Amino acid sequence: MKRVSTRLGELDCQVLEAMAEGASPELAVVLCHGFGAPATDLVPLAQELVELKPELGAKVRFVFPAAPLSLSAMGMPYARAWFHLPQEVMMGRERNWDEYAASTPEGLVQARRGLMSLLAALSAATKLPYGRIVLGGFSQGGMVTTDVALRLEEAPAGLCILSGTLLSQDEWKQRAEKRKGLPVLQSHGRYDDILAFSQAERLQKLLTDAGLPVEFIPFNGPHTIAPEVLERLAEFLHTRLTSR
């Protein structure tokens, strides 16, 4: 696949595609990495998804943004974050999930702004409306993309929440009710010791109750992207590509 490093809006990005020279994408997919990962953490997924569904290669542009915050001061020179996390979450300690679900983390507003600027630039560059852009991410990347997907003036083509969790509960509930029909793919490991499986179930219920069709994929594993999730993600993207 052809890979280009570029800046879209406020964020540095890796852009991958396998389209013929001069061809225009029919769908764009933006996938955001999790807290503490390098900017390129999810880049290999583009090739894996195209191998699972070759039709994606000829028509889809994949975009992998780097989160705006560097964690080099914490001794992780290549690690990035969308916003800072409480120490108890970072250390995997017991925490008050009700309190965390109701909170809006400091820095989420800035992360949202950066991602929205990327989407505006991507839409302008590809001539694709937001309705032809799929948003998604892993862990913290899933949190920020959920927040943005519920706020855009136009609904995206779909939302992929890979091992994410519930934040800003009251506001997300209110905004989700205005996003009825938005297709969602959500996955979570039953043995996740970073973000509790029960919280993923709460998020699923909030979105489903608001009228969003959620395909929920639980799996017997930890805080990761399981092979069966990748297979369903390829199917999900193919459906978004062929849906009009």
C-alpha atoms as a PDB file:
ATOM      1  CA  MET A   1       0.000   0.000   0.000  1.00  0.00           C
ATOM      2  CA  LYS A   2       1.134   3.543  -0.673  1.00  0.00           C
ATOM      3  CA  ARG A   3       1.901   5.403   2.560  1.00  0.00           C
ATOM      4  CA  VAL A   4       2.287   9.155   3.007  1.00  0.00           C
ATOM      5  CA  SER A   5       3.063  11.221   6.103  1.00  0.00           C
ATOM      6  CA  THR A   6       1.101  14.459   6.063  1.00  0.00           C
ATOM      7  CA  ARG A   7      -0.719  16.963   8.246  1.00  0.00           C
ATOM      8  CA  LEU A   8      -4.491  17.230   8.137  1.00  0.00           C
ATOM      9  CA  GLY A   9      -5.894  20.117  10.125  1.00  0.00           C
ATOM     10  CA  GLU A  10      -4.072  20.209  13.456  1.00  0.00           C
ATOM     11  CA  LEU A  11      -2.831  16.606  13.418  1.00  0.00           C
ATOM     12  CA  ASP A  12       0.064  14.730  11.853  1.00  0.00           C
ATOM     13  CA  CYS A  13      -1.201  11.642  10.029  1.00  0.00           C
ATOM     14  CA  GLN A  14      -0.174   8.496   8.219  1.00  0.00           C
ATOM     15  CA  VAL A  15      -2.328   8.052   5.093  1.00  0.00           C
ATOM     16  CA  LEU A  16      -2.468   4.659   3.375  1.00  0.00           C
ATOM     17  CA  GLU A  17      -4.268   3.531   0.248  1.00  0.00           C
ATOM     18  CA  ALA A  18      -3.972   0.937  -2.493  1.00  0.00           C
ATOM     19  CA  MET A  19      -6.032   2.738  -5.114  1.00  0.00           C
ATOM     20  CA  ALA A  20      -4.988   3.042  -8.741  1.00  0.00           C
ATOM     21  CA  GLU A  21      -3.042   6.180  -9.679  1.00  0.00           C
ATOM     22  CA  GLY A  22      -5.452   9.074 -10.122  1.00  0.00           C
ATOM     23  CA  ALA A  23      -8.413   7.284  -8.524  1.00  0.00           C
ATOM     24  CA  SER A  24     -10.496   9.064  -5.887  1.00  0.00           C
ATOM     25  CA  PRO A  25     -11.595   7.338  -2.676  1.00  0.00           C
ATOM     26  CA  GLU A  26     -15.239   6.411  -2.237  1.00  0.00           C
ATOM     27  CA  LEU A  27     -14.847   6.035   1.532  1.00  0.00           C
ATOM     28  CA  ALA A  28     -12.341   7.302   4.097  1.00  0.00           C
ATOM     29  CA  VAL A  29     -11.567   5.518   7.370  1.00  0.00           C
ATOM     30  CA  VAL A  30     -10.016   7.375  10.306  1.00  0.00           C
ATOM     31  CA  LEU A  31      -8.626   5.131  13.071  1.00  0.00           C
ATOM     32  CA  CYS A  32      -7.193   6.635  16.264  1.00  0.00           C
ATOM     33  CA  HIS A  33      -4.649   4.880  18.490  1.00  0.00           C
ATOM     34  CA  GLY A  34      -4.891   4.507  22.254  1.00  0.00           C
ATOM     35  CA  PHE A  35      -3.190   6.180  25.208  1.00  0.00           C
ATOM     36  CA  GLY A  36       0.558   5.571  25.430  1.00  0.00           C
ATOM     37  CA  ALA A  37       0.864   4.081  21.950  1.00  0.00           C
ATOM     38  CA  PRO A  38       3.170   5.392  19.225  1.00  0.00           C
ATOM     39  CA  ALA A  39       1.517   7.403  16.479  1.00  0.00           C
ATOM     40  CA  THR A  40       1.933   4.502  14.030  1.00  0.00           C
ATOM     41  CA  ASP A  41       0.443   1.842  16.335  1.00  0.00           C
ATOM     42  CA  LEU A  42      -2.641   1.046  14.214  1.00  0.00           C
ATOM     43  CA  VAL A  43      -1.077   1.611  10.775  1.00  0.00           C
ATOM     44  CA  PRO A  44      -0.629  -2.154  10.082  1.00  0.00           C
ATOM     45  CA  LEU A  45      -4.406  -2.566  10.298  1.00  0.00           C
ATOM     46  CA  ALA A  46      -4.855  -0.998   6.845  1.00  0.00           C
ATOM     47  CA  GLN A  47      -3.036  -3.849   5.107  1.00  0.00           C
ATOM     48  CA  GLU A  48      -4.733  -6.472   7.269  1.00  0.00           C
ATOM     49  CA  LEU A  49      -8.196  -5.086   6.539  1.00  0.00           C
ATOM     50  CA  VAL A  50      -7.535  -4.967   2.795  1.00  0.00           C
ATOM     51  CA  GLU A  51      -6.294  -8.559   2.880  1.00  0.00           C
ATOM     52  CA  LEU A  52      -9.507  -9.588   4.636  1.00  0.00           C
ATOM     53  CA  LYS A  53     -11.703  -7.606   2.216  1.00  0.00           C
ATOM     54  CA  PRO A  54      -9.752  -6.885  -1.005  1.00  0.00           C
ATOM     55  CA  GLU A  55     -12.557  -4.659  -2.324  1.00  0.00           C
ATOM     56  CA  LEU A  56     -11.514  -2.074   0.268  1.00  0.00           C
ATOM     57  CA  GLY A  57      -8.135  -1.630  -1.400  1.00  0.00           C
ATOM     58  CA  ALA A  58      -9.456  -0.090  -4.604  1.00  0.00           C
ATOM     59  CA  LYS A  59     -11.787   2.454  -3.002  1.00  0.00           C
ATOM     60  CA  VAL A  60     -10.795   3.334   0.573  1.00  0.00           C
ATOM     61  CA  ARG A  61      -8.313   5.835   2.029  1.00  0.00           C
ATOM     62  CA  PHE A  62      -7.099   4.976   5.544  1.00  0.00           C
ATOM     63  CA  VAL A  63      -5.988   7.779   7.869  1.00  0.00           C
ATOM     64  CA  PHE A  64      -4.128   7.209  11.152  1.00  0.00           C
ATOM     65  CA  PRO A  65      -3.692  10.442  13.139  1.00  0.00           C
ATOM     66  CA  ALA A  66      -1.120  10.992  15.856  1.00  0.00           C
ATOM     67  CA  ALA A  67      -2.667  12.122  19.126  1.00  0.00           C
ATOM     68  CA  PRO A  68      -1.620  15.684  20.013  1.00  0.00           C
ATOM     69  CA  LEU A  69       0.055  15.050  23.389  1.00  0.00           C
ATOM     70  CA  SER A  70       3.555  13.643  23.810  1.00  0.00           C
ATOM     71  CA  LEU A  71       4.274  11.480  26.858  1.00  0.00           C
ATOM     72  CA  SER A  72       8.041  11.883  26.599  1.00  0.00           C
ATOM     73  CA  ALA A  73       8.098  13.657  29.969  1.00  0.00           C
ATOM     74  CA  MET A  74       6.819  10.393  31.491  1.00  0.00           C
ATOM     75  CA  GLY A  75       9.787   8.500  30.056  1.00  0.00           C
ATOM     76  CA  MET A  76       7.952   7.305  26.932  1.00  0.00           C
ATOM     77  CA  PRO A  77       9.565   9.222  24.057  1.00  0.00           C
ATOM     78  CA  TYR A  78       7.389   7.788  21.269  1.00  0.00           C
ATOM     79  CA  ALA A  79       4.127   7.556  23.201  1.00  0.00           C
ATOM     80  CA  ARG A  80       1.175   9.825  22.454  1.00  0.00           C
ATOM     81  CA  ALA A  81      -2.137  10.599  24.160  1.00  0.00           C
ATOM     82  CA  TRP A  82      -5.408  12.301  23.264  1.00  0.00           C
ATOM     83  CA  PHE A  83      -5.829  13.491  26.856  1.00  0.00           C
ATOM     84  CA  HIS A  84      -4.293  12.616  30.204  1.00  0.00           C
ATOM     85  CA  LEU A  85      -5.756   9.818  32.328  1.00  0.00           C
ATOM     86  CA  PRO A  86      -6.155   9.606  36.116  1.00  0.00           C
ATOM     87  CA  GLN A  87      -3.313   7.733  37.775  1.00  0.00           C
ATOM     88  CA  GLU A  88      -5.598   4.927  38.987  1.00  0.00           C
ATOM     89  CA  VAL A  89      -6.713   4.226  35.415  1.00  0.00           C
ATOM     90  CA  MET A  90      -3.145   4.207  34.125  1.00  0.00           C
ATOM     91  CA  MET A  91      -2.052   1.813  36.876  1.00  0.00           C
ATOM     92  CA  GLY A  92      -5.026  -0.513  36.397  1.00  0.00           C
ATOM     93  CA  ARG A  93      -6.184   0.001  39.977  1.00  0.00           C
ATOM     94  CA  GLU A  94      -9.747  -0.305  41.227  1.00  0.00           C
ATOM     95  CA  ARG A  95     -11.660   2.846  40.380  1.00  0.00           C
ATOM     96  CA  ASN A  96     -15.101   4.419  40.643  1.00  0.00           C
ATOM     97  CA  TRP A  97     -16.558   3.662  37.219  1.00  0.00           C
ATOM     98  CA  ASP A  98     -19.795   5.545  37.911  1.00  0.00           C
ATOM     99  CA  GLU A  99     -17.780   8.670  38.604  1.00  0.00           C
ATOM    100  CA  TYR A 100     -15.540   8.121  35.569  1.00  0.00           C
ATOM    101  CA  ALA A 101     -18.515   7.570  33.229  1.00  0.00           C
ATOM    102  CA  ALA A 102     -20.068  10.837  34.361  1.00  0.00           C
ATOM    103  CA  SER A 103     -16.856  12.833  33.972  1.00  0.00           C
ATOM    104  CA  THR A 104     -15.485  14.805  31.049  1.00  0.00           C
ATOM    105  CA  PRO A 105     -11.692  14.388  31.152  1.00  0.00           C
ATOM    106  CA  GLU A 106      -9.548  17.486  31.072  1.00  0.00           C
ATOM    107  CA  GLY A 107      -8.124  17.724  27.562  1.00  0.00           C
ATOM    108  CA  LEU A 108     -11.035  16.050  25.774  1.00  0.00           C
ATOM    109  CA  VAL A 109     -12.190  19.395  24.372  1.00  0.00           C
ATOM    110  CA  GLN A 110      -8.769  20.026  22.793  1.00  0.00           C
ATOM    111  CA  ALA A 111      -8.603  16.465  21.433  1.00  0.00           C
ATOM    112  CA  ARG A 112     -12.068  16.887  19.944  1.00  0.00           C
ATOM    113  CA  ARG A 113     -11.024  20.116  18.254  1.00  0.00           C
ATOM    114  CA  GLY A 114      -7.961  18.498  16.715  1.00  0.00           C
ATOM    115  CA  LEU A 115      -9.892  15.543  15.352  1.00  0.00           C
ATOM    116  CA  MET A 116     -12.649  17.777  13.979  1.00  0.00           C
ATOM    117  CA  SER A 117     -10.026  19.880  12.185  1.00  0.00           C
ATOM    118  CA  LEU A 118      -8.624  16.689  10.635  1.00  0.00           C
ATOM    119  CA  LEU A 119     -12.073  15.640   9.404  1.00  0.00           C
ATOM    120  CA  ALA A 120     -12.722  19.043   7.848  1.00  0.00           C
ATOM    121  CA  ALA A 121      -9.371  18.902   6.020  1.00  0.00           C
ATOM    122  CA  LEU A 122      -9.922  15.284   4.943  1.00  0.00           C
ATOM    123  CA  SER A 123     -13.389  16.053   3.611  1.00  0.00           C
ATOM    124  CA  ALA A 124     -12.051  19.018   1.655  1.00  0.00           C
ATOM    125  CA  ALA A 125      -9.121  17.033   0.220  1.00  0.00           C
ATOM    126  CA  THR A 126     -11.174  13.996  -0.834  1.00  0.00           C
ATOM    127  CA  LYS A 127     -14.462  15.777  -1.701  1.00  0.00           C
ATOM    128  CA  LEU A 128     -16.153  13.244   0.572  1.00  0.00           C
ATOM    129  CA  PRO A 129     -18.950  14.365   2.907  1.00  0.00           C
ATOM    130  CA  TYR A 130     -18.767  13.250   6.527  1.00  0.00           C
ATOM    131  CA  GLY A 131     -21.398  10.671   5.616  1.00  0.00           C
ATOM    132  CA  ARG A 132     -18.670   8.851   3.631  1.00  0.00           C
ATOM    133  CA  ILE A 133     -16.106   8.882   6.467  1.00  0.00           C
ATOM    134  CA  VAL A 134     -15.938   6.114   9.092  1.00  0.00           C
ATOM    135  CA  LEU A 135     -14.587   7.117  12.503  1.00  0.00           C
ATOM    136  CA  GLY A 136     -13.083   4.741  14.996  1.00  0.00           C
ATOM    137  CA  GLY A 137     -10.308   3.946  17.391  1.00  0.00           C
ATOM    138  CA  PHE A 138      -8.855   1.722  20.066  1.00  0.00           C
ATOM    139  CA  SER A 139      -9.199   2.441  23.792  1.00  0.00           C
ATOM    140  CA  GLN A 140      -8.752   6.203  24.290  1.00  0.00           C
ATOM    141  CA  GLY A 141      -8.961   6.605  20.507  1.00  0.00           C
ATOM    142  CA  GLY A 142     -12.403   5.014  20.696  1.00  0.00           C
ATOM    143  CA  MET A 143     -13.440   7.496  23.377  1.00  0.00           C
ATOM    144  CA  VAL A 144     -12.480  10.606  21.419  1.00  0.00           C
ATOM    145  CA  THR A 145     -14.017   9.314  18.174  1.00  0.00           C
ATOM    146  CA  THR A 146     -17.279   8.489  19.973  1.00  0.00           C
ATOM    147  CA  ASP A 147     -17.359  12.015  21.369  1.00  0.00           C
ATOM    148  CA  VAL A 148     -16.737  13.532  17.927  1.00  0.00           C
ATOM    149  CA  ALA A 149     -19.158  11.229  16.084  1.00  0.00           C
ATOM    150  CA  LEU A 150     -21.960  12.391  18.386  1.00  0.00           C
ATOM    151  CA  ARG A 151     -21.134  16.071  17.785  1.00  0.00           C
ATOM    152  CA  LEU A 152     -20.520  16.465  14.048  1.00  0.00           C
ATOM    153  CA  GLU A 153     -23.090  18.509  12.147  1.00  0.00           C
ATOM    154  CA  GLU A 154     -23.486  15.560   9.776  1.00  0.00           C
ATOM    155  CA  ALA A 155     -23.364  11.945  10.981  1.00  0.00           C
ATOM    156  CA  PRO A 156     -20.315   9.953   9.856  1.00  0.00           C
ATOM    157  CA  ALA A 157     -20.708   6.759   7.820  1.00  0.00           C
ATOM    158  CA  GLY A 158     -20.100   4.646  10.903  1.00  0.00           C
ATOM    159  CA  LEU A 159     -18.404   4.469  14.297  1.00  0.00           C
ATOM    160  CA  CYS A 160     -16.002   1.739  15.486  1.00  0.00           C
ATOM    161  CA  ILE A 161     -15.355   1.568  19.238  1.00  0.00           C
ATOM    162  CA  LEU A 162     -12.590  -0.957  19.911  1.00  0.00           C
ATOM    163  CA  SER A 163     -12.177  -1.485  23.671  1.00  0.00           C
ATOM    164  CA  GLY A 164     -13.423   2.012  24.496  1.00  0.00           C
ATOM    165  CA  THR A 165     -15.508   3.162  27.457  1.00  0.00           C
ATOM    166  CA  LEU A 166     -18.244   5.524  28.584  1.00  0.00           C
ATOM    167  CA  LEU A 167     -17.483   9.194  29.284  1.00  0.00           C
ATOM    168  CA  SER A 168     -19.590  12.351  29.562  1.00  0.00           C
ATOM    169  CA  GLN A 169     -22.581  10.081  30.146  1.00  0.00           C
ATOM    170  CA  ASP A 170     -25.377  12.660  30.307  1.00  0.00           C
ATOM    171  CA  GLU A 171     -24.149  14.611  27.298  1.00  0.00           C
ATOM    172  CA  TRP A 172     -23.454  11.503  25.202  1.00  0.00           C
ATOM    173  CA  LYS A 173     -26.956  10.226  25.980  1.00  0.00           C
ATOM    174  CA  GLN A 174     -28.516  13.503  24.871  1.00  0.00           C
ATOM    175  CA  ARG A 175     -26.447  13.703  21.703  1.00  0.00           C
ATOM    176  CA  ALA A 176     -26.882  10.019  20.834  1.00  0.00           C
ATOM    177  CA  GLU A 177     -30.632  10.545  20.610  1.00  0.00           C
ATOM    178  CA  LYS A 178     -29.939  12.853  17.647  1.00  0.00           C
ATOM    179  CA  ARG A 179     -27.802  10.186  15.943  1.00  0.00           C
ATOM    180  CA  LYS A 180     -30.460   7.506  15.519  1.00  0.00           C
ATOM    181  CA  GLY A 181     -29.494   5.080  12.776  1.00  0.00           C
ATOM    182  CA  LEU A 182     -25.721   5.653  12.998  1.00  0.00           C
ATOM    183  CA  PRO A 183     -24.129   2.190  12.536  1.00  0.00           C
ATOM    184  CA  VAL A 184     -21.769   1.233  15.367  1.00  0.00           C
ATOM    185  CA  LEU A 185     -19.308  -1.629  15.677  1.00  0.00           C
ATOM    186  CA  GLN A 186     -18.200  -2.108  19.282  1.00  0.00           C
ATOM    187  CA  SER A 187     -15.843  -4.724  20.718  1.00  0.00           C
ATOM    188  CA  HIS A 188     -14.466  -5.425  24.188  1.00  0.00           C
ATOM    189  CA  GLY A 189     -12.532  -8.165  25.962  1.00  0.00           C
ATOM    190  CA  ARG A 190     -14.286  -9.848  28.880  1.00  0.00           C
ATOM    191  CA  TYR A 191     -10.969  -9.919  30.778  1.00  0.00           C
ATOM    192  CA  ASP A 192      -9.981  -6.307  30.109  1.00  0.00           C
ATOM    193  CA  ASP A 193      -8.143  -5.081  33.226  1.00  0.00           C
ATOM    194  CA  ILE A 194      -7.716  -1.509  31.935  1.00  0.00           C
ATOM    195  CA  LEU A 195     -11.264  -0.508  30.930  1.00  0.00           C
ATOM    196  CA  ALA A 196     -13.936  -2.659  32.530  1.00  0.00           C
ATOM    197  CA  PHE A 197     -16.115  -4.894  30.347  1.00  0.00           C
ATOM    198  CA  SER A 198     -19.170  -3.784  32.345  1.00  0.00           C
ATOM    199  CA  GLN A 199     -18.558  -0.207  31.206  1.00  0.00           C
ATOM    200  CA  ALA A 200     -18.544  -1.309  27.572  1.00  0.00           C
ATOM    201  CA  GLU A 201     -21.933  -2.900  28.200  1.00  0.00           C
ATOM    202  CA  ARG A 202     -23.173   0.366  29.675  1.00  0.00           C
ATOM    203  CA  LEU A 203     -21.990   2.257  26.621  1.00  0.00           C
ATOM    204  CA  GLN A 204     -23.648  -0.258  24.325  1.00  0.00           C
ATOM    205  CA  LYS A 205     -26.947   0.139  26.210  1.00  0.00           C
ATOM    206  CA  LEU A 206     -26.777   3.936  26.085  1.00  0.00           C
ATOM    207  CA  LEU A 207     -26.265   3.906  22.307  1.00  0.00           C
ATOM    208  CA  THR A 208     -28.825   1.170  21.635  1.00  0.00           C
ATOM    209  CA  ASP A 209     -31.467   2.858  23.797  1.00  0.00           C
ATOM    210  CA  ALA A 210     -30.899   6.041  21.788  1.00  0.00           C
ATOM    211  CA  GLY A 211     -31.673   4.221  18.536  1.00  0.00           C
ATOM    212  CA  LEU A 212     -28.201   3.462  17.187  1.00  0.00           C
ATOM    213  CA  PRO A 213     -27.767  -0.037  15.719  1.00  0.00           C
ATOM    214  CA  VAL A 214     -24.811  -1.478  17.652  1.00  0.00           C
ATOM    215  CA  GLU A 215     -23.041  -4.679  16.633  1.00  0.00           C
ATOM    216  CA  PHE A 216     -21.419  -5.663  19.921  1.00  0.00           C
ATOM    217  CA  ILE A 217     -18.551  -8.175  19.809  1.00  0.00           C
ATOM    218  CA  PRO A 218     -17.477  -9.478  23.216  1.00  0.00           C
ATOM    219  CA  PHE A 219     -14.430 -11.752  23.201  1.00  0.00           C
ATOM    220  CA  ASN A 220     -12.499 -13.810  25.718  1.00  0.00           C
ATOM    221  CA  GLY A 221      -9.399 -11.674  25.972  1.00  0.00           C
ATOM    222  CA  PRO A 222      -7.739  -8.630  27.569  1.00  0.00           C
ATOM    223  CA  HIS A 223      -7.380  -5.006  26.405  1.00  0.00           C
ATOM    224  CA  THR A 224      -6.641  -5.675  22.747  1.00  0.00           C
ATOM    225  CA  ILE A 225      -8.086  -6.071  19.235  1.00  0.00           C
ATOM    226  CA  ALA A 226      -8.927  -9.751  18.757  1.00  0.00           C
ATOM    227  CA  PRO A 227      -8.634 -11.431  15.329  1.00  0.00           C
ATOM    228  CA  GLU A 228     -12.395 -11.978  15.161  1.00  0.00           C
ATOM    229  CA  VAL A 229     -12.899  -8.249  15.766  1.00  0.00           C
ATOM    230  CA  LEU A 230     -10.638  -7.394  12.839  1.00  0.00           C
ATOM    231  CA  GLU A 231     -12.669  -9.717  10.624  1.00  0.00           C
ATOM    232  CA  ARG A 232     -15.924  -8.043  11.643  1.00  0.00           C
ATOM    233  CA  LEU A 233     -14.338  -4.610  11.191  1.00  0.00           C
ATOM    234  CA  ALA A 234     -13.435  -5.479   7.587  1.00  0.00           C
ATOM    235  CA  GLU A 235     -17.041  -6.570   6.991  1.00  0.00           C
ATOM    236  CA  PHE A 236     -18.348  -3.417   8.656  1.00  0.00           C
ATOM    237  CA  LEU A 237     -16.197  -1.192   6.435  1.00  0.00           C
ATOM    238  CA  HIS A 238     -17.215  -3.109   3.324  1.00  0.00           C
ATOM    239  CA  THR A 239     -20.873  -2.578   4.205  1.00  0.00           C
ATOM    240  CA  ARG A 240     -20.280   1.145   4.717  1.00  0.00           C
ATOM    241  CA  LEU A 241     -18.446   1.285   1.372  1.00  0.00           C
ATOM    242  CA  THR A 242     -21.335  -0.308  -0.529  1.00  0.00           C
ATOM    243  CA  SER A 243     -24.139   1.503   1.355  1.00  0.00           C
ATOM    244  CA  ARG A 244     -25.497   4.720  -0.090  1.00  0.00           C
END
